[in-house]
Amino acid sequence: MATIVNTPSQVPQSSNNGMWNFLGLLLVVVTIFIFIFYGIPFIRNSIGNIGTPQINVPEKIDINVKQTK
């Protein structure tokens, strides 16, 4: 009986796999850059203004108390 050995055919490798990896890495770096310079200050400013009370003080206060009998 004859033994048949089937070798898998060679699948051609795509030469642009490195390009897709580079573009993916570039996209991640740009996203992190945008988050650091725009997202973090926006979050910090929005959280800081929630609990800040506004106090209005008049320029002159009349401290003379007049009692009528």
Protein backbone atom coordinates (compact mmCIF):
# COMPACT_ATOMS: atom_id res chain seq x y z
CA MET A 1 0.00 0.00 0.00
CA ALA A 2 1.28 3.44 -0.89
CA THR A 3 1.58 6.22 1.66
CA ILE A 4 0.34 9.58 0.43
CA VAL A 5 1.69 12.69 2.11
CA ASN A 6 -0.29 15.83 1.46
CA THR A 7 1.76 18.91 2.18
CA PRO A 8 -0.22 22.09 2.70
CA SER A 9 0.14 24.64 -0.01
CA GLN A 10 2.10 27.72 0.77
CA VAL A 11 -0.26 30.60 1.54
CA PRO A 12 1.17 33.81 0.17
CA GLN A 13 1.93 36.21 3.00
CA SER A 14 0.49 39.65 2.68
CA SER A 15 3.20 42.27 2.70
CA ASN A 16 1.06 45.05 4.21
CA ASN A 17 0.46 43.46 7.63
CA GLY A 18 3.10 45.74 9.09
CA MET A 19 1.36 48.73 7.60
CA TRP A 20 -1.93 47.87 9.31
CA ASN A 21 -0.11 47.40 12.61
CA PHE A 22 1.54 50.79 12.20
CA LEU A 23 -1.77 52.50 11.38
CA GLY A 24 -3.43 50.85 14.38
CA LEU A 25 -0.64 51.96 16.69
CA LEU A 26 -0.80 55.47 15.25
CA LEU A 27 -4.55 55.59 15.86
CA VAL A 28 -4.08 54.52 19.49
CA VAL A 29 -1.37 57.15 20.07
CA VAL A 30 -3.51 59.92 18.53
CA THR A 31 -6.52 58.87 20.65
CA ILE A 32 -4.44 58.95 23.84
CA PHE A 33 -2.99 62.34 22.86
CA ILE A 34 -6.47 63.81 22.30
CA PHE A 35 -7.72 62.38 25.60
CA ILE A 36 -4.78 63.79 27.57
CA PHE A 37 -4.90 67.30 26.14
CA TYR A 38 -8.68 67.75 25.75
CA GLY A 39 -10.49 65.12 27.81
CA ILE A 40 -8.74 65.40 31.16
CA PRO A 41 -9.02 69.23 31.43
CA PHE A 42 -12.69 69.04 30.41
CA ILE A 43 -13.42 66.44 33.09
CA ARG A 44 -11.43 68.36 35.71
CA ASN A 45 -13.27 71.64 34.97
CA SER A 46 -16.72 70.07 34.92
CA ILE A 47 -16.22 68.28 38.26
CA GLY A 48 -14.72 71.33 39.97
CA ASN A 49 -17.68 73.60 39.19
CA ILE A 50 -20.43 71.37 40.61
CA GLY A 51 -20.09 72.15 44.31
CA THR A 52 -18.83 75.74 44.14
CA PRO A 53 -21.29 78.15 45.78
CA GLN A 54 -21.69 81.69 44.53
CA ILE A 55 -21.59 84.36 47.25
CA ASN A 56 -22.75 87.93 46.57
CA VAL A 57 -21.57 90.55 49.08
CA PRO A 58 -22.93 94.12 48.81
CA GLU A 59 -20.46 97.02 48.79
CA LYS A 60 -22.15 98.97 51.59
CA ILE A 61 -23.95 97.61 54.61
CA ASP A 62 -26.13 99.86 56.78
CA ILE A 63 -25.26 98.96 60.37
CA ASN A 64 -27.34 101.72 61.98
CA VAL A 65 -30.24 100.12 63.75
CA LYS A 66 -33.21 102.43 64.30
CA GLN A 67 -35.82 101.27 66.78
CA THR A 68 -39.22 102.88 66.95
CA LYS A 69 -41.34 102.79 70.14
